[in-house]
Protein backbone atom coordinates (compact mmCIF):
# COMPACT_ATOMS: atom_id res chain seq x y z
CA MET A 1 2.13 9.38 -2.17
CA ASN A 2 5.86 9.25 -2.36
CA MET A 3 6.01 10.52 1.26
CA TYR A 4 3.77 7.58 2.47
CA LEU A 5 5.86 5.06 0.41
CA ASN A 6 9.07 6.39 1.95
CA TRP A 7 7.61 6.34 5.46
CA PHE A 8 6.39 2.77 5.02
CA ARG A 9 9.85 1.76 3.71
CA ARG A 10 11.64 3.25 6.67
CA ASN A 11 9.12 2.32 9.51
CA GLU A 12 7.11 -0.78 8.49
CA MET A 13 9.08 -3.01 6.12
CA VAL A 14 11.17 -5.93 7.34
CA GLU A 15 13.81 -8.04 5.65
CA GLY A 16 12.40 -10.03 2.86
CA ASP A 17 9.46 -7.55 2.07
CA ASN A 18 8.91 -6.36 -1.44
CA PRO A 19 8.97 -2.66 -1.89
CA PRO A 20 5.54 -0.92 -1.24
CA VAL A 21 3.45 0.00 -4.01
CA GLY A 22 1.37 3.20 -4.37
CA LEU A 23 -2.00 3.29 -6.17
CA LEU A 24 -3.13 6.42 -7.87
CA LEU A 25 -6.82 6.54 -8.78
CA CYS A 26 -7.94 9.16 -11.24
CA PRO A 27 -11.37 9.64 -12.61
CA ARG A 28 -9.94 10.07 -16.15
CA LYS A 29 -6.70 9.90 -17.91
CA ASN A 30 -4.93 13.24 -17.49
CA ASP A 31 -1.29 13.26 -18.54
CA MET A 32 -0.54 16.48 -16.43
CA VAL A 33 -2.02 14.86 -13.26
CA VAL A 34 0.17 11.77 -13.66
CA GLU A 35 3.20 13.92 -14.44
CA TYR A 36 2.83 15.92 -11.29
CA ALA A 37 1.89 12.89 -9.20
CA THR A 38 4.85 10.80 -10.24
CA GLY A 39 7.39 13.49 -10.62
CA GLY A 40 10.68 12.73 -8.82
CA LEU A 41 9.90 9.18 -8.43
CA SER A 42 12.14 6.54 -9.78
CA ASN A 43 11.66 5.23 -13.31
CA GLU A 44 10.01 2.09 -11.77
CA VAL A 45 6.62 3.67 -12.12
CA PHE A 46 4.28 1.57 -14.26
CA VAL A 47 0.74 2.11 -15.38
CA SER A 48 -1.17 -1.09 -15.10
CA LYS A 49 -4.36 0.19 -16.90
CA TYR A 50 -6.57 2.96 -17.38
CA GLU A 51 -10.17 2.27 -16.22
CA VAL A 52 -12.93 3.99 -18.14
CA VAL A 53 -15.31 3.53 -15.24
CA LEU A 54 -14.27 3.64 -11.57
CA PRO A 55 -15.08 0.68 -9.33
CA SER A 56 -18.52 0.99 -7.64
CA ILE A 57 -18.71 2.21 -4.03
CA GLU A 58 -19.55 -1.38 -2.95
CA GLU A 59 -16.45 -2.77 -4.67
CA LEU A 60 -14.21 -0.16 -3.01
CA GLU A 61 -15.81 -0.81 0.35
CA ARG A 62 -15.25 -4.49 -0.04
CA PHE A 63 -11.60 -3.85 -1.06
CA VAL A 64 -11.01 -1.49 1.93
CA GLU A 65 -12.62 -3.92 4.37
CA HIS A 66 -10.58 -6.81 3.16
CA GLU A 67 -7.38 -4.86 3.44
CA VAL A 68 -8.28 -3.65 6.96
CA ASN A 69 -8.88 -7.17 7.91
CA VAL A 70 -5.53 -8.36 6.55
CA LEU A 71 -3.91 -5.58 8.47
CA ARG A 72 -5.65 -6.55 11.77
CA GLU A 73 -4.52 -10.15 11.30
CA MET A 74 -0.91 -8.92 10.73
CA GLU A 75 -1.11 -6.71 13.81
CA VAL A 76 -2.24 -9.68 15.93
CA GLU A 77 0.70 -11.76 14.55
CA TYR A 78 3.22 -9.08 15.21
CA ARG A 79 1.94 -8.59 18.79
CA HIS A 80 2.15 -12.35 19.26
CA VAL A 81 5.73 -12.55 17.87
CA GLY A 82 6.68 -9.51 20.05
CA ARG A 83 5.28 -11.28 23.22
CA ASP A 84 7.13 -14.33 22.30
CA ASN A 85 10.38 -12.45 21.89
CA GLU A 86 9.93 -10.70 25.21
CA ASN A 87 9.32 -13.87 26.96
CA GLY A 88 12.52 -15.57 25.55
CA GLY A 89 11.13 -17.84 22.83
CA SER A 90 8.19 -19.48 21.16
């Protein structure tokens, strides 16, 4: 996960963006998994909550579908801004 967060920081972030956040989903609390998964990361790693039950497949599908739609909208906006910049203005 750290590799992806670093890649995103270097290649996708723009001025004013907040740092990216990684999400680690585990089926149960396991201190060893958390230790290895977060080893070498800054001390700015927080545990929001432990869920006893994972979200349903439908909830995860809705979440992923929503995020994909957000990214598509961002892509359209970035392309629009890029065309405007190539054409010398608004």
